């Protein structure tokens, strides 16, 4: 079972909308964003780095699964 993907766009002022299910899961009030050139990590301000890394391991595993599925679907 794959994780849910939320797609959004930046508005004309560069703001993004955080979907309600994400806000309801605990990403409310103060968040931190750690970006690089291709991706970003969004987490509650004050979250322990070890907890962020554990969550990222799950996300990376899902992305690896999706990459394998992409390869299988190409003709």
N, C-alpha and C. Protein backbone atom coordinates (compact mmCIF):
# COMPACT_ATOMS: atom_id res chain seq x y z
N UNK A 1 0.84 -1.18 0.00
CA UNK A 1 0.00 0.00 0.00
C UNK A 1 0.88 1.24 0.00
N UNK A 2 0.65 2.13 -0.93
CA UNK A 2 1.44 3.33 -1.03
C UNK A 2 0.90 4.43 -0.13
N UNK A 3 1.79 5.35 0.20
CA UNK A 3 1.39 6.51 1.00
C UNK A 3 0.58 7.45 0.11
N UNK A 4 -0.21 8.27 0.71
CA UNK A 4 -1.02 9.23 -0.02
C UNK A 4 -0.13 10.39 -0.46
N UNK A 5 -0.36 10.87 -1.68
CA UNK A 5 0.36 12.03 -2.19
C UNK A 5 -0.59 13.21 -2.27
N UNK A 6 -0.15 14.35 -1.77
CA UNK A 6 -0.94 15.58 -1.87
C UNK A 6 -0.24 16.50 -2.85
N UNK A 7 -0.98 16.98 -3.83
CA UNK A 7 -0.43 17.91 -4.81
C UNK A 7 -1.03 19.28 -4.57
N UNK A 8 -0.19 20.30 -4.67
CA UNK A 8 -0.64 21.67 -4.49
C UNK A 8 0.24 22.58 -5.33
N UNK A 9 -0.17 23.80 -5.53
CA UNK A 9 0.61 24.77 -6.28
C UNK A 9 0.85 25.99 -5.42
N UNK A 10 1.92 26.70 -5.74
CA UNK A 10 2.16 27.96 -5.07
C UNK A 10 1.25 29.01 -5.68
N UNK A 11 0.75 29.91 -4.84
CA UNK A 11 -0.05 31.00 -5.39
C UNK A 11 0.87 32.10 -5.91
N UNK A 12 0.30 33.17 -6.37
CA UNK A 12 1.10 34.24 -6.98
C UNK A 12 2.05 34.93 -6.01
N UNK A 13 1.81 34.75 -4.71
CA UNK A 13 2.71 35.35 -3.72
C UNK A 13 3.73 34.35 -3.19
N UNK A 14 3.74 33.11 -3.74
CA UNK A 14 4.70 32.09 -3.33
C UNK A 14 4.27 31.27 -2.13
N UNK A 15 3.00 31.36 -1.77
CA UNK A 15 2.49 30.60 -0.64
C UNK A 15 1.91 29.27 -1.13
N UNK A 16 1.99 28.27 -0.25
CA UNK A 16 1.38 26.98 -0.58
C UNK A 16 0.29 26.66 0.43
N UNK A 17 -0.70 25.90 -0.03
CA UNK A 17 -1.79 25.45 0.83
C UNK A 17 -1.42 24.09 1.40
N UNK A 18 -1.50 23.94 2.69
CA UNK A 18 -1.28 22.65 3.35
C UNK A 18 -2.65 21.99 3.51
N UNK A 19 -2.85 20.84 2.88
CA UNK A 19 -4.14 20.16 2.88
C UNK A 19 -4.62 19.85 4.30
N UNK A 20 -5.93 19.89 4.47
CA UNK A 20 -6.53 19.66 5.78
C UNK A 20 -6.07 18.35 6.44
N UNK A 21 -6.03 17.21 5.72
CA UNK A 21 -5.58 15.97 6.39
C UNK A 21 -4.17 16.08 6.96
N UNK A 22 -3.32 16.84 6.29
CA UNK A 22 -1.96 17.03 6.81
C UNK A 22 -2.00 17.90 8.06
N UNK A 23 -2.77 18.96 8.02
CA UNK A 23 -2.89 19.83 9.21
C UNK A 23 -3.50 19.06 10.37
N UNK A 24 -4.51 18.23 10.08
CA UNK A 24 -5.17 17.47 11.14
C UNK A 24 -4.28 16.38 11.72
N UNK A 25 -3.25 15.98 10.97
CA UNK A 25 -2.34 14.94 11.47
C UNK A 25 -1.31 15.51 12.44
N UNK A 26 -1.30 16.83 12.62
CA UNK A 26 -0.42 17.43 13.61
C UNK A 26 0.48 18.53 13.09
N UNK A 27 0.50 18.76 11.79
CA UNK A 27 1.31 19.86 11.25
C UNK A 27 0.52 21.15 11.34
N UNK A 28 0.47 21.69 12.54
CA UNK A 28 -0.27 22.92 12.77
C UNK A 28 0.63 23.93 13.48
N UNK A 29 0.17 25.15 13.49
CA UNK A 29 0.88 26.25 14.16
C UNK A 29 2.28 26.42 13.57
N UNK A 30 3.29 26.06 14.30
CA UNK A 30 4.66 26.31 13.88
C UNK A 30 5.29 25.08 13.24
N UNK A 31 5.70 25.22 11.98
CA UNK A 31 6.37 24.13 11.28
C UNK A 31 7.73 24.61 10.81
N UNK A 32 8.58 23.65 10.50
CA UNK A 32 9.88 23.95 9.92
C UNK A 32 9.96 23.24 8.58
N UNK A 33 10.64 23.86 7.63
CA UNK A 33 10.82 23.28 6.30
C UNK A 33 12.31 23.27 6.01
N UNK A 34 12.82 22.08 5.65
CA UNK A 34 14.23 21.93 5.32
C UNK A 34 14.31 21.54 3.85
N UNK A 35 14.60 22.52 2.97
CA UNK A 35 14.61 22.24 1.53
C UNK A 35 16.02 22.05 0.97
N UNK A 36 16.06 21.39 -0.20
CA UNK A 36 17.24 21.45 -1.05
C UNK A 36 16.73 21.75 -2.46
N UNK A 37 17.51 21.50 -3.47
CA UNK A 37 17.12 21.90 -4.82
C UNK A 37 15.94 21.11 -5.40
N UNK A 38 15.70 19.89 -4.93
CA UNK A 38 14.69 19.02 -5.53
C UNK A 38 13.54 18.64 -4.60
N UNK A 39 13.72 18.76 -3.30
CA UNK A 39 12.69 18.29 -2.36
C UNK A 39 12.78 19.09 -1.06
N UNK A 40 11.80 18.86 -0.19
CA UNK A 40 11.80 19.53 1.11
C UNK A 40 11.16 18.61 2.14
N UNK A 41 11.57 18.77 3.36
CA UNK A 41 10.99 18.05 4.49
C UNK A 41 10.23 19.08 5.32
N UNK A 42 8.97 18.77 5.63
CA UNK A 42 8.15 19.64 6.46
C UNK A 42 7.85 18.88 7.75
N UNK A 43 8.10 19.51 8.88
CA UNK A 43 7.85 18.86 10.16
C UNK A 43 7.48 19.89 11.21
N UNK A 44 6.84 19.39 12.29
CA UNK A 44 6.48 20.27 13.39
C UNK A 44 7.74 20.86 14.00
N UNK A 45 7.71 22.14 14.29
CA UNK A 45 8.84 22.80 14.95
C UNK A 45 9.13 22.08 16.27
N UNK A 46 10.39 21.85 16.52
CA UNK A 46 10.80 21.22 17.77
C UNK A 46 10.83 19.70 17.74
N UNK A 47 10.49 19.09 16.61
CA UNK A 47 10.52 17.63 16.50
C UNK A 47 11.97 17.16 16.59
N UNK A 48 12.18 16.06 17.32
CA UNK A 48 13.54 15.52 17.45
C UNK A 48 14.01 15.02 16.09
N UNK A 49 15.28 15.28 15.80
CA UNK A 49 15.86 14.86 14.53
C UNK A 49 15.72 13.34 14.34
N UNK A 50 15.88 12.58 15.41
CA UNK A 50 15.76 11.12 15.28
C UNK A 50 14.35 10.72 14.84
N UNK A 51 13.34 11.43 15.29
CA UNK A 51 11.96 11.14 14.85
C UNK A 51 11.76 11.51 13.39
N UNK A 52 12.36 12.62 12.96
CA UNK A 52 12.26 13.02 11.56
C UNK A 52 12.93 11.98 10.68
N UNK A 53 14.12 11.54 11.07
CA UNK A 53 14.84 10.53 10.29
C UNK A 53 14.06 9.22 10.21
N UNK A 54 13.43 8.81 11.30
CA UNK A 54 12.63 7.57 11.28
C UNK A 54 11.46 7.72 10.31
N UNK A 55 10.82 8.87 10.30
CA UNK A 55 9.73 9.10 9.36
C UNK A 55 10.23 9.13 7.93
N UNK A 56 11.39 9.73 7.72
CA UNK A 56 11.95 9.79 6.38
C UNK A 56 12.32 8.41 5.85
N UNK A 57 12.73 7.51 6.73
CA UNK A 57 13.03 6.14 6.30
C UNK A 57 11.79 5.48 5.69
N UNK A 58 10.64 5.73 6.28
CA UNK A 58 9.39 5.18 5.76
C UNK A 58 9.06 5.81 4.42
N UNK A 59 9.24 7.11 4.32
CA UNK A 59 8.96 7.81 3.06
C UNK A 59 9.92 7.34 1.97
N UNK A 60 11.20 7.19 2.29
CA UNK A 60 12.18 6.73 1.30
C UNK A 60 11.83 5.32 0.82
N UNK A 61 11.42 4.45 1.72
CA UNK A 61 11.03 3.10 1.32
C UNK A 61 9.86 3.15 0.35
N UNK A 62 8.89 4.02 0.61
CA UNK A 62 7.75 4.17 -0.29
C UNK A 62 8.19 4.70 -1.65
N UNK A 63 9.08 5.68 -1.66
CA UNK A 63 9.57 6.23 -2.92
C UNK A 63 10.34 5.18 -3.73
N UNK A 64 11.11 4.34 -3.06
CA UNK A 64 11.83 3.27 -3.75
C UNK A 64 10.84 2.30 -4.39
N UNK A 65 9.76 1.98 -3.67
CA UNK A 65 8.72 1.10 -4.20
C UNK A 65 8.09 1.74 -5.44
N UNK A 66 7.77 3.02 -5.37
CA UNK A 66 7.17 3.73 -6.50
C UNK A 66 8.12 3.74 -7.70
N UNK A 67 9.42 3.93 -7.45
CA UNK A 67 10.40 3.93 -8.54
C UNK A 67 10.42 2.57 -9.24
N UNK A 68 10.34 1.48 -8.48
CA UNK A 68 10.30 0.15 -9.07
C UNK A 68 9.04 -0.04 -9.90
N UNK A 69 7.92 0.48 -9.41
CA UNK A 69 6.67 0.38 -10.16
C UNK A 69 6.76 1.16 -11.47
N UNK A 70 7.41 2.32 -11.45
CA UNK A 70 7.58 3.11 -12.67
C UNK A 70 8.34 2.33 -13.73
N UNK A 71 9.40 1.66 -13.29
CA UNK A 71 10.22 0.89 -14.23
C UNK A 71 9.41 -0.26 -14.82
N UNK A 72 8.61 -0.93 -14.01
CA UNK A 72 7.79 -2.04 -14.49
C UNK A 72 6.72 -1.57 -15.47
N UNK A 73 6.22 -0.36 -15.31
CA UNK A 73 5.13 0.13 -16.16
C UNK A 73 5.61 0.67 -17.49
N UNK A 74 6.89 0.97 -17.63
CA UNK A 74 7.40 1.50 -18.90
C UNK A 74 7.45 0.38 -19.93
N UNK A 75 7.01 0.65 -21.17
CA UNK A 75 7.03 -0.38 -22.21
C UNK A 75 8.42 -0.72 -22.69
